[in-house]
Amino acid sequence: MDPALIAIATASANALVTLMTTDLWDRAKEGVARALRRTTEADPEALLEDSRTELGQASARGDSEETVAEMQQMWRGKFRRLLAEHPEAADDLLFLKQLHNEIDNGGENRGSTNISQSATSRDSSRIYQMGTGVQNNN
């Protein structure tokens, strides 16, 4: 198998498992389900939701680290087999990495959203503004 496709499978699996716990989950699930429909997978959406539920339960039990590693391995195998049969599915899987990069770039919901702000200060007041993230005014 082409090493580039193996790299895509690995990066996509890691991104998918991370995205399971974010606000970007619905977009990630949609892209993966579209890719998995090329295979004999009976109900890709249910499989994805089951994985997400299992990850949430593991987190509640305090053993999410091991579960994350197991899930990444499982999805890496699924993606590797998918790409071996359907290399054209790479674009659907690379979409996961793009979503994951949105998180790395400072916000789960940044995407292509433009933020425009303006403010006026009067009488020695202070203005605190931010487009995304967590603000602490101490």
N, C-alpha and C. Protein backbone atom coordinates (compact mmCIF):
# COMPACT_ATOMS: atom_id res chain seq x y z
N MET A 1 0.85 -1.19 0.00
CA MET A 1 0.00 0.00 0.00
C MET A 1 0.88 1.23 0.00
N ASP A 2 0.43 2.24 -0.70
CA ASP A 2 1.14 3.51 -0.81
C ASP A 2 1.36 4.11 0.58
N PRO A 3 2.61 4.46 0.94
CA PRO A 3 2.87 5.06 2.26
C PRO A 3 2.07 6.33 2.52
N ALA A 4 1.78 7.09 1.48
CA ALA A 4 0.99 8.31 1.66
C ALA A 4 -0.43 7.97 2.12
N LEU A 5 -1.00 6.90 1.59
CA LEU A 5 -2.34 6.49 2.01
C LEU A 5 -2.33 5.98 3.44
N ILE A 6 -1.26 5.29 3.82
CA ILE A 6 -1.13 4.83 5.21
C ILE A 6 -1.05 6.03 6.14
N ALA A 7 -0.30 7.05 5.73
CA ALA A 7 -0.20 8.28 6.55
C ALA A 7 -1.55 8.96 6.66
N ILE A 8 -2.32 8.98 5.58
CA ILE A 8 -3.66 9.59 5.62
C ILE A 8 -4.55 8.80 6.57
N ALA A 9 -4.49 7.47 6.50
CA ALA A 9 -5.30 6.64 7.39
C ALA A 9 -4.96 6.90 8.85
N THR A 10 -3.69 7.00 9.16
CA THR A 10 -3.25 7.23 10.54
C THR A 10 -3.67 8.61 11.04
N ALA A 11 -3.38 9.64 10.25
CA ALA A 11 -3.74 11.00 10.67
C ALA A 11 -5.24 11.16 10.79
N SER A 12 -5.98 10.54 9.88
CA SER A 12 -7.44 10.66 9.91
C SER A 12 -8.04 9.95 11.11
N ALA A 13 -7.50 8.79 11.44
CA ALA A 13 -7.98 8.05 12.62
C ALA A 13 -7.73 8.85 13.89
N ASN A 14 -6.55 9.40 14.02
CA ASN A 14 -6.23 10.20 15.20
C ASN A 14 -7.12 11.44 15.29
N ALA A 15 -7.33 12.09 14.15
CA ALA A 15 -8.19 13.28 14.13
C ALA A 15 -9.62 12.92 14.47
N LEU A 16 -10.11 11.81 13.91
CA LEU A 16 -11.49 11.41 14.16
C LEU A 16 -11.75 11.21 15.65
N VAL A 17 -10.86 10.49 16.31
CA VAL A 17 -11.07 10.21 17.74
C VAL A 17 -11.04 11.51 18.54
N THR A 18 -10.17 12.43 18.18
CA THR A 18 -10.16 13.73 18.86
C THR A 18 -11.45 14.49 18.60
N LEU A 19 -11.92 14.47 17.37
CA LEU A 19 -13.12 15.22 16.99
C LEU A 19 -14.38 14.68 17.65
N MET A 20 -14.33 13.44 18.13
CA MET A 20 -15.50 12.85 18.79
C MET A 20 -15.92 13.63 20.03
N THR A 21 -15.02 14.40 20.60
CA THR A 21 -15.31 15.12 21.84
C THR A 21 -15.43 16.62 21.63
N THR A 22 -15.68 17.03 20.38
CA THR A 22 -15.73 18.47 20.09
C THR A 22 -17.07 18.85 19.45
N ASP A 23 -17.24 20.15 19.28
CA ASP A 23 -18.43 20.68 18.61
C ASP A 23 -18.40 20.39 17.11
N LEU A 24 -17.29 19.95 16.60
CA LEU A 24 -17.16 19.66 15.18
C LEU A 24 -17.54 18.22 14.84
N TRP A 25 -18.04 17.48 15.82
CA TRP A 25 -18.34 16.07 15.64
C TRP A 25 -19.32 15.81 14.49
N ASP A 26 -20.39 16.57 14.40
CA ASP A 26 -21.38 16.30 13.36
C ASP A 26 -20.77 16.43 11.96
N ARG A 27 -19.93 17.41 11.78
CA ARG A 27 -19.27 17.57 10.47
C ARG A 27 -18.31 16.43 10.20
N ALA A 28 -17.58 16.01 11.23
CA ALA A 28 -16.64 14.90 11.08
C ALA A 28 -17.39 13.61 10.76
N LYS A 29 -18.46 13.37 11.50
CA LYS A 29 -19.25 12.14 11.30
C LYS A 29 -19.79 12.08 9.88
N GLU A 30 -20.27 13.20 9.39
CA GLU A 30 -20.83 13.25 8.04
C GLU A 30 -19.79 12.88 6.98
N GLY A 31 -18.57 13.41 7.12
CA GLY A 31 -17.51 13.12 6.15
C GLY A 31 -17.08 11.66 6.19
N VAL A 32 -16.94 11.11 7.39
CA VAL A 32 -16.53 9.71 7.52
C VAL A 32 -17.62 8.79 7.02
N ALA A 33 -18.86 9.08 7.36
CA ALA A 33 -19.97 8.24 6.89
C ALA A 33 -20.01 8.22 5.37
N ARG A 34 -19.77 9.37 4.75
CA ARG A 34 -19.75 9.44 3.28
C ARG A 34 -18.66 8.53 2.73
N ALA A 35 -17.50 8.55 3.36
CA ALA A 35 -16.39 7.71 2.90
C ALA A 35 -16.70 6.23 3.12
N LEU A 36 -17.28 5.90 4.27
CA LEU A 36 -17.54 4.49 4.59
C LEU A 36 -18.68 3.89 3.76
N ARG A 37 -19.50 4.72 3.19
CA ARG A 37 -20.58 4.20 2.34
C ARG A 37 -20.04 3.51 1.09
N ARG A 38 -18.77 3.72 0.79
CA ARG A 38 -18.14 3.03 -0.34
C ARG A 38 -17.86 1.57 0.00
N THR A 39 -17.91 1.22 1.28
CA THR A 39 -17.59 -0.14 1.72
C THR A 39 -18.87 -0.91 2.00
N THR A 40 -18.70 -2.08 2.58
CA THR A 40 -19.85 -2.90 2.93
C THR A 40 -20.37 -2.58 4.33
N GLU A 41 -19.84 -1.53 4.94
CA GLU A 41 -20.28 -1.14 6.29
C GLU A 41 -21.78 -0.87 6.27
N ALA A 42 -22.53 -1.62 7.08
CA ALA A 42 -24.00 -1.57 7.04
C ALA A 42 -24.55 -0.20 7.45
N ASP A 43 -24.10 0.32 8.57
CA ASP A 43 -24.64 1.57 9.10
C ASP A 43 -23.48 2.41 9.67
N PRO A 44 -22.78 3.15 8.81
CA PRO A 44 -21.61 3.89 9.28
C PRO A 44 -21.92 4.90 10.37
N GLU A 45 -23.08 5.57 10.28
CA GLU A 45 -23.43 6.56 11.31
C GLU A 45 -23.55 5.91 12.68
N ALA A 46 -24.18 4.73 12.73
CA ALA A 46 -24.34 4.02 14.01
C ALA A 46 -22.98 3.60 14.56
N LEU A 47 -22.10 3.12 13.70
CA LEU A 47 -20.75 2.73 14.13
C LEU A 47 -20.00 3.92 14.71
N LEU A 48 -20.12 5.06 14.05
CA LEU A 48 -19.45 6.26 14.54
C LEU A 48 -20.03 6.72 15.87
N GLU A 49 -21.34 6.71 16.00
CA GLU A 49 -21.97 7.11 17.26
C GLU A 49 -21.63 6.14 18.39
N ASP A 50 -21.56 4.85 18.08
CA ASP A 50 -21.17 3.86 19.09
C ASP A 50 -19.76 4.13 19.59
N SER A 51 -18.86 4.47 18.68
CA SER A 51 -17.49 4.80 19.08
C SER A 51 -17.46 6.03 19.97
N ARG A 52 -18.23 7.03 19.60
CA ARG A 52 -18.27 8.26 20.40
C ARG A 52 -18.84 7.98 21.80
N THR A 53 -19.89 7.18 21.86
CA THR A 53 -20.48 6.82 23.16
C THR A 53 -19.48 6.07 24.02
N GLU A 54 -18.79 5.12 23.41
CA GLU A 54 -17.79 4.35 24.15
C GLU A 54 -16.68 5.25 24.68
N LEU A 55 -16.27 6.22 23.88
CA LEU A 55 -15.24 7.15 24.33
C LEU A 55 -15.73 7.99 25.50
N GLY A 56 -16.98 8.44 25.43
CA GLY A 56 -17.55 9.21 26.54
C GLY A 56 -17.65 8.40 27.81
N GLN A 57 -18.05 7.14 27.70
CA GLN A 57 -18.14 6.26 28.87
C GLN A 57 -16.76 6.01 29.46
N ALA A 58 -15.77 5.82 28.61
CA ALA A 58 -14.40 5.61 29.09
C ALA A 58 -13.89 6.83 29.83
N SER A 59 -14.22 8.00 29.32
CA SER A 59 -13.81 9.23 29.97
C SER A 59 -14.44 9.35 31.36
N ALA A 60 -15.70 8.99 31.45
CA ALA A 60 -16.40 9.04 32.75
C ALA A 60 -15.79 8.06 33.75
N ARG A 61 -15.30 6.93 33.25
CA ARG A 61 -14.66 5.93 34.13
C ARG A 61 -13.23 6.29 34.46
N GLY A 62 -12.65 7.20 33.70
CA GLY A 62 -11.27 7.60 33.93
C GLY A 62 -10.25 6.76 33.18
N ASP A 63 -10.67 5.99 32.20
CA ASP A 63 -9.71 5.20 31.43
C ASP A 63 -9.75 5.57 29.95
N SER A 64 -9.89 6.84 29.68
CA SER A 64 -10.02 7.29 28.29
C SER A 64 -8.72 7.14 27.51
N GLU A 65 -7.57 7.23 28.17
CA GLU A 65 -6.30 7.16 27.45
C GLU A 65 -6.15 5.84 26.70
N GLU A 66 -6.43 4.75 27.38
CA GLU A 66 -6.34 3.43 26.75
C GLU A 66 -7.41 3.28 25.66
N THR A 67 -8.60 3.75 25.95
CA THR A 67 -9.69 3.66 24.97
C THR A 67 -9.38 4.48 23.73
N VAL A 68 -8.81 5.65 23.91
CA VAL A 68 -8.43 6.49 22.77
C VAL A 68 -7.44 5.74 21.89
N ALA A 69 -6.42 5.13 22.50
CA ALA A 69 -5.42 4.38 21.72
C ALA A 69 -6.07 3.22 20.97
N GLU A 70 -6.96 2.49 21.64
CA GLU A 70 -7.65 1.38 20.98
C GLU A 70 -8.51 1.86 19.82
N MET A 71 -9.21 2.96 20.04
CA MET A 71 -10.08 3.48 18.99
C MET A 71 -9.29 4.00 17.81
N GLN A 72 -8.19 4.66 18.08
CA GLN A 72 -7.34 5.14 16.99
C GLN A 72 -6.85 3.96 16.15
N GLN A 73 -6.47 2.89 16.82
CA GLN A 73 -6.01 1.70 16.10
C GLN A 73 -7.14 1.09 15.27
N MET A 74 -8.33 0.98 15.85
CA MET A 74 -9.46 0.41 15.13
C MET A 74 -9.78 1.23 13.88
N TRP A 75 -9.88 2.56 14.04
CA TRP A 75 -10.23 3.41 12.91
C TRP A 75 -9.10 3.47 11.88
N ARG A 76 -7.86 3.40 12.34
CA ARG A 76 -6.73 3.36 11.40
C ARG A 76 -6.86 2.14 10.49
N GLY A 77 -7.21 0.99 11.06
CA GLY A 77 -7.40 -0.22 10.26
C GLY A 77 -8.55 -0.07 9.28
N LYS A 78 -9.67 0.47 9.75
CA LYS A 78 -10.82 0.68 8.85
C LYS A 78 -10.47 1.62 7.71
N PHE A 79 -9.78 2.71 8.04
CA PHE A 79 -9.42 3.68 7.01
C PHE A 79 -8.38 3.10 6.05
N ARG A 80 -7.44 2.31 6.57
CA ARG A 80 -6.44 1.70 5.71
C ARG A 80 -7.09 0.76 4.70
N ARG A 81 -8.03 -0.06 5.17
CA ARG A 81 -8.74 -0.97 4.27
C ARG A 81 -9.59 -0.19 3.27
N LEU A 82 -10.24 0.87 3.73
CA LEU A 82 -11.04 1.71 2.83
C LEU A 82 -10.16 2.28 1.72
N LEU A 83 -9.00 2.83 2.08
CA LEU A 83 -8.13 3.45 1.10
C LEU A 83 -7.47 2.44 0.16
N ALA A 84 -7.26 1.22 0.64
CA ALA A 84 -6.71 0.19 -0.22
C ALA A 84 -7.68 -0.13 -1.36
N GLU A 85 -8.97 -0.13 -1.05
CA GLU A 85 -9.99 -0.44 -2.06
C GLU A 85 -10.47 0.80 -2.82
N HIS A 86 -10.47 1.94 -2.14
CA HIS A 86 -11.01 3.17 -2.73
C HIS A 86 -10.07 4.35 -2.43
N PRO A 87 -8.96 4.45 -3.13
CA PRO A 87 -8.02 5.55 -2.86
C PRO A 87 -8.66 6.94 -3.02
N GLU A 88 -9.73 7.02 -3.80
CA GLU A 88 -10.40 8.30 -4.01
C GLU A 88 -11.07 8.80 -2.73
N ALA A 89 -11.22 7.94 -1.73
CA ALA A 89 -11.82 8.34 -0.45
C ALA A 89 -10.85 9.17 0.39
N ALA A 90 -9.63 9.33 -0.09
CA ALA A 90 -8.63 10.10 0.67
C ALA A 90 -9.11 11.51 0.96
N ASP A 91 -9.78 12.14 0.01
CA ASP A 91 -10.26 13.51 0.22
C ASP A 91 -11.25 13.59 1.37
N ASP A 92 -12.15 12.59 1.46
CA ASP A 92 -13.10 12.57 2.57
C ASP A 92 -12.39 12.42 3.90
N LEU A 93 -11.32 11.65 3.92
CA LEU A 93 -10.59 11.45 5.17
C LEU A 93 -9.69 12.64 5.50
N LEU A 94 -9.11 13.27 4.49
CA LEU A 94 -8.30 14.45 4.74
C LEU A 94 -9.11 15.59 5.33
N PHE A 95 -10.41 15.57 5.06
CA PHE A 95 -11.31 16.55 5.64
C PHE A 95 -11.24 16.50 7.17
N LEU A 96 -11.04 15.31 7.73
CA LEU A 96 -10.93 15.18 9.19
C LEU A 96 -9.72 15.95 9.71
N LYS A 97 -8.62 15.85 9.01
CA LYS A 97 -7.42 16.57 9.42
C LYS A 97 -7.65 18.07 9.35
N GLN A 98 -8.39 18.53 8.33
CA GLN A 98 -8.70 19.95 8.23
C GLN A 98 -9.55 20.41 9.41
N LEU A 99 -10.53 19.59 9.78
CA LEU A 99 -11.35 19.93 10.95
C LEU A 99 -10.50 19.96 12.21
N HIS A 100 -9.62 18.98 12.34
CA HIS A 100 -8.75 18.92 13.51
C HIS A 100 -7.85 20.16 13.57
N ASN A 101 -7.40 20.62 12.42
CA ASN A 101 -6.57 21.82 12.37
C ASN A 101 -7.33 23.05 12.85
N GLU A 102 -8.64 23.07 12.66
CA GLU A 102 -9.45 24.19 13.18
C GLU A 102 -9.32 24.27 14.69
N ILE A 103 -9.28 23.13 15.35
CA ILE A 103 -9.11 23.11 16.80
C ILE A 103 -7.71 23.61 17.14
N ASP A 104 -6.69 23.10 16.44
CA ASP A 104 -5.31 23.50 16.70
C ASP A 104 -5.08 24.98 16.46
N ASN A 105 -5.88 25.58 15.58
CA ASN A 105 -5.71 26.98 15.24
C ASN A 105 -6.50 27.91 16.14
N GLY A 106 -7.01 27.40 17.25
CA GLY A 106 -7.57 28.29 18.24
C GLY A 106 -9.05 28.24 18.48
N GLY A 107 -9.76 27.30 17.95
CA GLY A 107 -11.18 27.26 18.27
C GLY A 107 -11.90 26.19 17.51
N GLU A 108 -12.79 25.50 18.20
CA GLU A 108 -13.52 24.41 17.58
C GLU A 108 -14.42 24.89 16.46
N ASN A 109 -14.93 26.08 16.56
CA ASN A 109 -15.92 26.52 15.60
C ASN A 109 -15.41 27.63 14.69
N ARG A 110 -14.11 27.76 14.57
CA ARG A 110 -13.57 28.84 13.74
C ARG A 110 -13.93 28.66 12.29
N GLY A 111 -13.55 27.54 11.72
CA GLY A 111 -13.88 27.27 10.33
C GLY A 111 -13.61 28.48 9.46
N SER A 112 -14.55 28.86 8.64
CA SER A 112 -14.40 30.01 7.78
C SER A 112 -15.19 31.20 8.30
N THR A 113 -15.55 31.18 9.57
CA THR A 113 -16.32 32.26 10.16
C THR A 113 -15.45 33.50 10.31
N ASN A 114 -15.94 34.61 9.84
CA ASN A 114 -15.26 35.89 10.01
C ASN A 114 -15.87 36.58 11.22
N ILE A 115 -15.00 37.15 12.03
CA ILE A 115 -15.46 37.85 13.22
C ILE A 115 -15.11 39.31 13.06
N SER A 116 -16.09 40.16 13.23
CA SER A 116 -15.89 41.59 13.15
C SER A 116 -16.43 42.21 14.44
N GLN A 117 -15.61 43.02 15.08
CA GLN A 117 -16.02 43.63 16.33
C GLN A 117 -15.70 45.12 16.31
N SER A 118 -16.49 45.86 17.06
CA SER A 118 -16.18 47.26 17.28
C SER A 118 -16.69 47.64 18.67
N ALA A 119 -16.06 48.64 19.25
CA ALA A 119 -16.47 49.06 20.60
C ALA A 119 -16.08 50.52 20.79
N THR A 120 -16.77 51.16 21.68
CA THR A 120 -16.48 52.54 22.02
C THR A 120 -16.37 52.65 23.53
N SER A 121 -15.32 53.29 23.99
CA SER A 121 -15.10 53.43 25.42
C SER A 121 -15.39 54.88 25.83
N ARG A 122 -16.09 55.01 26.96
CA ARG A 122 -16.40 56.35 27.49
C ARG A 122 -16.12 56.37 28.99
N ASP A 123 -15.80 57.52 29.48
CA ASP A 123 -15.66 57.74 30.92
C ASP A 123 -14.71 56.75 31.59
N SER A 124 -13.55 56.58 31.04
CA SER A 124 -12.51 55.72 31.61
C SER A 124 -12.94 54.25 31.74
N SER A 125 -13.85 53.82 30.90
CA SER A 125 -14.29 52.42 30.96
C SER A 125 -13.28 51.54 30.23
N ARG A 126 -13.42 50.25 30.47
CA ARG A 126 -12.56 49.27 29.81
C ARG A 126 -13.40 48.41 28.89
N ILE A 127 -12.77 47.99 27.81
CA ILE A 127 -13.44 47.11 26.87
C ILE A 127 -12.58 45.86 26.72
N TYR A 128 -13.22 44.71 26.88
CA TYR A 128 -12.56 43.43 26.66
C TYR A 128 -13.30 42.72 25.54
N GLN A 129 -12.58 42.39 24.48
CA GLN A 129 -13.21 41.70 23.36
C GLN A 129 -12.32 40.54 22.92
N MET A 130 -13.00 39.51 22.44
CA MET A 130 -12.27 38.42 21.81
C MET A 130 -13.22 37.69 20.87
N GLY A 131 -12.67 37.07 19.85
CA GLY A 131 -13.49 36.38 18.87
C GLY A 131 -13.78 34.95 19.22
N THR A 132 -12.89 34.31 19.94
CA THR A 132 -13.07 32.91 20.31
C THR A 132 -12.19 32.60 21.51
N GLY A 133 -12.47 31.51 22.17
CA GLY A 133 -11.65 31.07 23.29
C GLY A 133 -12.26 31.41 24.62
N VAL A 134 -11.40 31.47 25.63
CA VAL A 134 -11.83 31.75 27.00
C VAL A 134 -11.17 33.04 27.45
N GLN A 135 -11.96 33.92 28.00
CA GLN A 135 -11.45 35.20 28.45
C GLN A 135 -11.51 35.26 29.95
N ASN A 136 -10.41 35.66 30.58
CA ASN A 136 -10.36 35.85 32.03
C ASN A 136 -10.02 37.31 32.30
N ASN A 137 -10.89 38.00 32.96
CA ASN A 137 -10.67 39.41 33.29
C ASN A 137 -10.35 39.53 34.76
N ASN A 138 -9.11 39.36 35.08
CA ASN A 138 -8.68 39.43 36.49
C ASN A 138 -8.10 40.76 36.81
